[in-house]
Amino acid sequence: MIQISSNVALSEDEVELSAIRAQGAGGQNVNKVSSAIHLRFDINASSLPDFYKERLLALHDHRITKDGIIVIKAQQYRTQEQNKEDAIQRLVELIQSATVVQKSRKATRPSFSARQKRMDTKTHRSKTKTMRGKIKDY
């Protein structure tokens, strides 16, 4: 079982893991060992609550396809087991981040004293700059 929150969990059958060869430099070992993990998770076919599904499908994340499948590629570590744990952890973090509800912003206005102080500093700055000009003889 993959624990998402205190009352939401996924069975490991819903997550499809496949081992692939990692990209990049690594010498002979990288060419013969399949240490990278390709994780696929179908949002629509999962046992997640509808609230989670709606929020995940509404995300604009490059890891979520148009069909509603999350694709995560983990190749940071040298062993397949560590990459598997990393991919599952990243899936859990993605699902948890989708459920965070942002606080709504309340519009505020600056106080009278704040506006007065701003105008005073502007006039003071203006006087300072006019004093730096050329002196005119009349």
Protein backbone atom coordinates (compact mmCIF):
# COMPACT_ATOMS: atom_id res chain seq x y z
CA MET A 1 0.00 0.00 0.00
CA ILE A 2 1.16 3.48 -0.89
CA GLN A 3 0.02 5.93 1.80
CA ILE A 4 -1.05 9.33 0.41
CA SER A 5 -2.63 10.81 3.53
CA SER A 6 -4.01 9.55 6.83
CA ASN A 7 -7.18 8.21 5.19
CA VAL A 8 -6.21 7.80 1.50
CA ALA A 9 -4.00 4.99 0.21
CA LEU A 10 -3.27 3.40 -3.16
CA SER A 11 -2.72 -0.26 -3.83
CA GLU A 12 0.52 -1.09 -5.59
CA ASP A 13 -1.43 -2.75 -8.43
CA GLU A 14 -2.60 0.66 -9.63
CA VAL A 15 0.97 1.83 -10.24
CA GLU A 16 2.75 0.36 -13.25
CA LEU A 17 6.53 0.22 -12.84
CA SER A 18 8.91 -0.79 -15.61
CA ALA A 19 12.69 -0.88 -15.60
CA ILE A 20 14.51 0.88 -18.43
CA ARG A 21 18.10 1.78 -19.15
CA ALA A 22 19.18 5.13 -17.76
CA GLN A 23 20.36 7.94 -20.02
CA GLY A 24 23.62 9.82 -19.85
CA ALA A 25 27.19 8.99 -19.04
CA GLY A 26 28.05 6.01 -16.89
CA GLY A 27 30.42 3.78 -18.81
CA GLN A 28 29.81 0.09 -19.44
CA ASN A 29 27.38 -0.32 -16.55
CA VAL A 30 24.78 2.07 -17.97
CA ASN A 31 24.64 0.13 -21.24
CA LYS A 32 23.84 -3.26 -19.70
CA VAL A 33 21.88 -2.57 -16.49
CA SER A 34 18.26 -1.35 -16.45
CA SER A 35 18.42 0.80 -13.35
CA ALA A 36 16.00 3.59 -14.28
CA ILE A 37 12.30 3.28 -13.44
CA HIS A 38 9.37 4.38 -15.59
CA LEU A 39 6.24 4.87 -13.44
CA ARG A 40 2.78 5.13 -15.01
CA PHE A 41 -0.35 5.91 -12.99
CA ASP A 42 -3.82 6.20 -14.53
CA ILE A 43 -5.78 8.86 -12.64
CA ASN A 44 -9.22 7.96 -14.01
CA ALA A 45 -8.89 4.22 -13.29
CA SER A 46 -7.47 4.72 -9.80
CA SER A 47 -9.20 4.28 -6.45
CA LEU A 48 -8.54 7.90 -5.46
CA PRO A 49 -11.51 9.96 -4.24
CA ASP A 50 -13.19 12.15 -6.88
CA PHE A 51 -11.83 15.33 -5.23
CA TYR A 52 -8.25 14.10 -5.79
CA LYS A 53 -8.97 13.05 -9.38
CA GLU A 54 -10.51 16.41 -10.30
CA ARG A 55 -7.65 18.37 -8.79
CA LEU A 56 -4.99 16.20 -10.48
CA LEU A 57 -6.64 16.42 -13.89
CA ALA A 58 -6.90 20.21 -13.52
CA LEU A 59 -3.15 20.55 -12.92
CA HIS A 60 -1.03 21.88 -15.78
CA ASP A 61 1.91 19.58 -15.19
CA HIS A 62 4.12 18.18 -17.96
CA ARG A 63 4.09 14.78 -16.25
CA ILE A 64 0.33 14.37 -16.77
CA THR A 65 -0.76 13.36 -20.29
CA LYS A 66 -3.99 14.41 -22.00
CA ASP A 67 -5.42 10.96 -21.24
CA GLY A 68 -4.95 11.51 -17.50
CA ILE A 69 -1.89 9.30 -17.01
CA ILE A 70 0.96 10.42 -14.77
CA VAL A 71 4.36 9.47 -16.18
CA ILE A 72 7.40 9.75 -13.92
CA LYS A 73 10.92 8.72 -14.91
CA ALA A 74 13.37 8.15 -12.06
CA GLN A 75 17.04 7.67 -12.90
CA GLN A 76 18.84 9.65 -10.23
CA TYR A 77 20.27 6.66 -8.33
CA ARG A 78 22.46 3.77 -9.40
CA THR A 79 20.18 1.01 -8.12
CA GLN A 80 16.76 0.05 -9.35
CA GLU A 81 15.33 -0.16 -5.82
CA GLN A 82 16.33 3.41 -4.94
CA ASN A 83 14.90 4.71 -8.23
CA LYS A 84 11.66 2.81 -7.55
CA GLU A 85 11.33 4.43 -4.11
CA ASP A 86 12.14 7.84 -5.61
CA ALA A 87 9.47 7.48 -8.33
CA ILE A 88 6.81 6.44 -5.81
CA GLN A 89 7.78 9.28 -3.48
CA ARG A 90 7.51 11.80 -6.33
CA LEU A 91 4.06 10.42 -7.22
CA VAL A 92 2.90 10.83 -3.61
CA GLU A 93 4.25 14.41 -3.52
CA LEU A 94 2.46 15.25 -6.78
CA ILE A 95 -0.86 13.90 -5.47
CA GLN A 96 -0.43 15.71 -2.14
CA SER A 97 0.44 19.01 -3.84
CA ALA A 98 -2.76 18.84 -5.90
CA THR A 99 -4.92 18.71 -2.79
CA VAL A 100 -3.51 21.84 -1.13
CA VAL A 101 -6.16 24.55 -1.25
CA GLN A 102 -4.77 28.07 -1.57
CA LYS A 103 -6.10 30.77 0.73
CA SER A 104 -8.15 33.38 -1.10
CA ARG A 105 -6.57 36.82 -1.19
CA LYS A 106 -8.44 39.65 0.46
CA ALA A 107 -8.10 43.00 -1.30
CA THR A 108 -6.75 45.70 1.00
CA ARG A 109 -6.21 49.44 0.63
CA PRO A 110 -3.35 51.51 2.03
CA SER A 111 -4.28 53.56 5.07
CA PHE A 112 -4.64 57.34 4.98
CA SER A 113 -1.39 57.86 6.92
CA ALA A 114 0.51 55.55 4.54
CA ARG A 115 -0.75 57.52 1.52
CA GLN A 116 0.10 60.81 3.26
CA LYS A 117 3.61 59.62 4.10
CA ARG A 118 4.14 58.54 0.47
CA MET A 119 3.08 61.95 -0.83
CA ASP A 120 5.31 63.75 1.70
CA THR A 121 8.38 61.76 0.66
CA LYS A 122 7.60 62.46 -3.01
CA THR A 123 7.38 66.23 -2.44
CA HIS A 124 10.54 66.19 -0.32
CA ARG A 125 12.41 64.28 -3.02
CA SER A 126 11.09 66.70 -5.66
CA LYS A 127 12.34 69.73 -3.73
CA THR A 128 15.75 68.11 -3.30
CA LYS A 129 16.05 67.50 -7.02
CA THR A 130 14.89 71.01 -8.02
CA MET A 131 17.56 72.48 -5.73
CA ARG A 132 20.21 70.63 -7.77
CA GLY A 133 19.34 72.56 -10.92
CA LYS A 134 21.13 75.57 -12.39
CA ILE A 135 20.75 78.87 -10.60
CA LYS A 136 18.97 81.47 -12.72
CA ASP A 137 19.86 85.17 -12.48
CA TYR A 138 16.95 87.61 -12.79
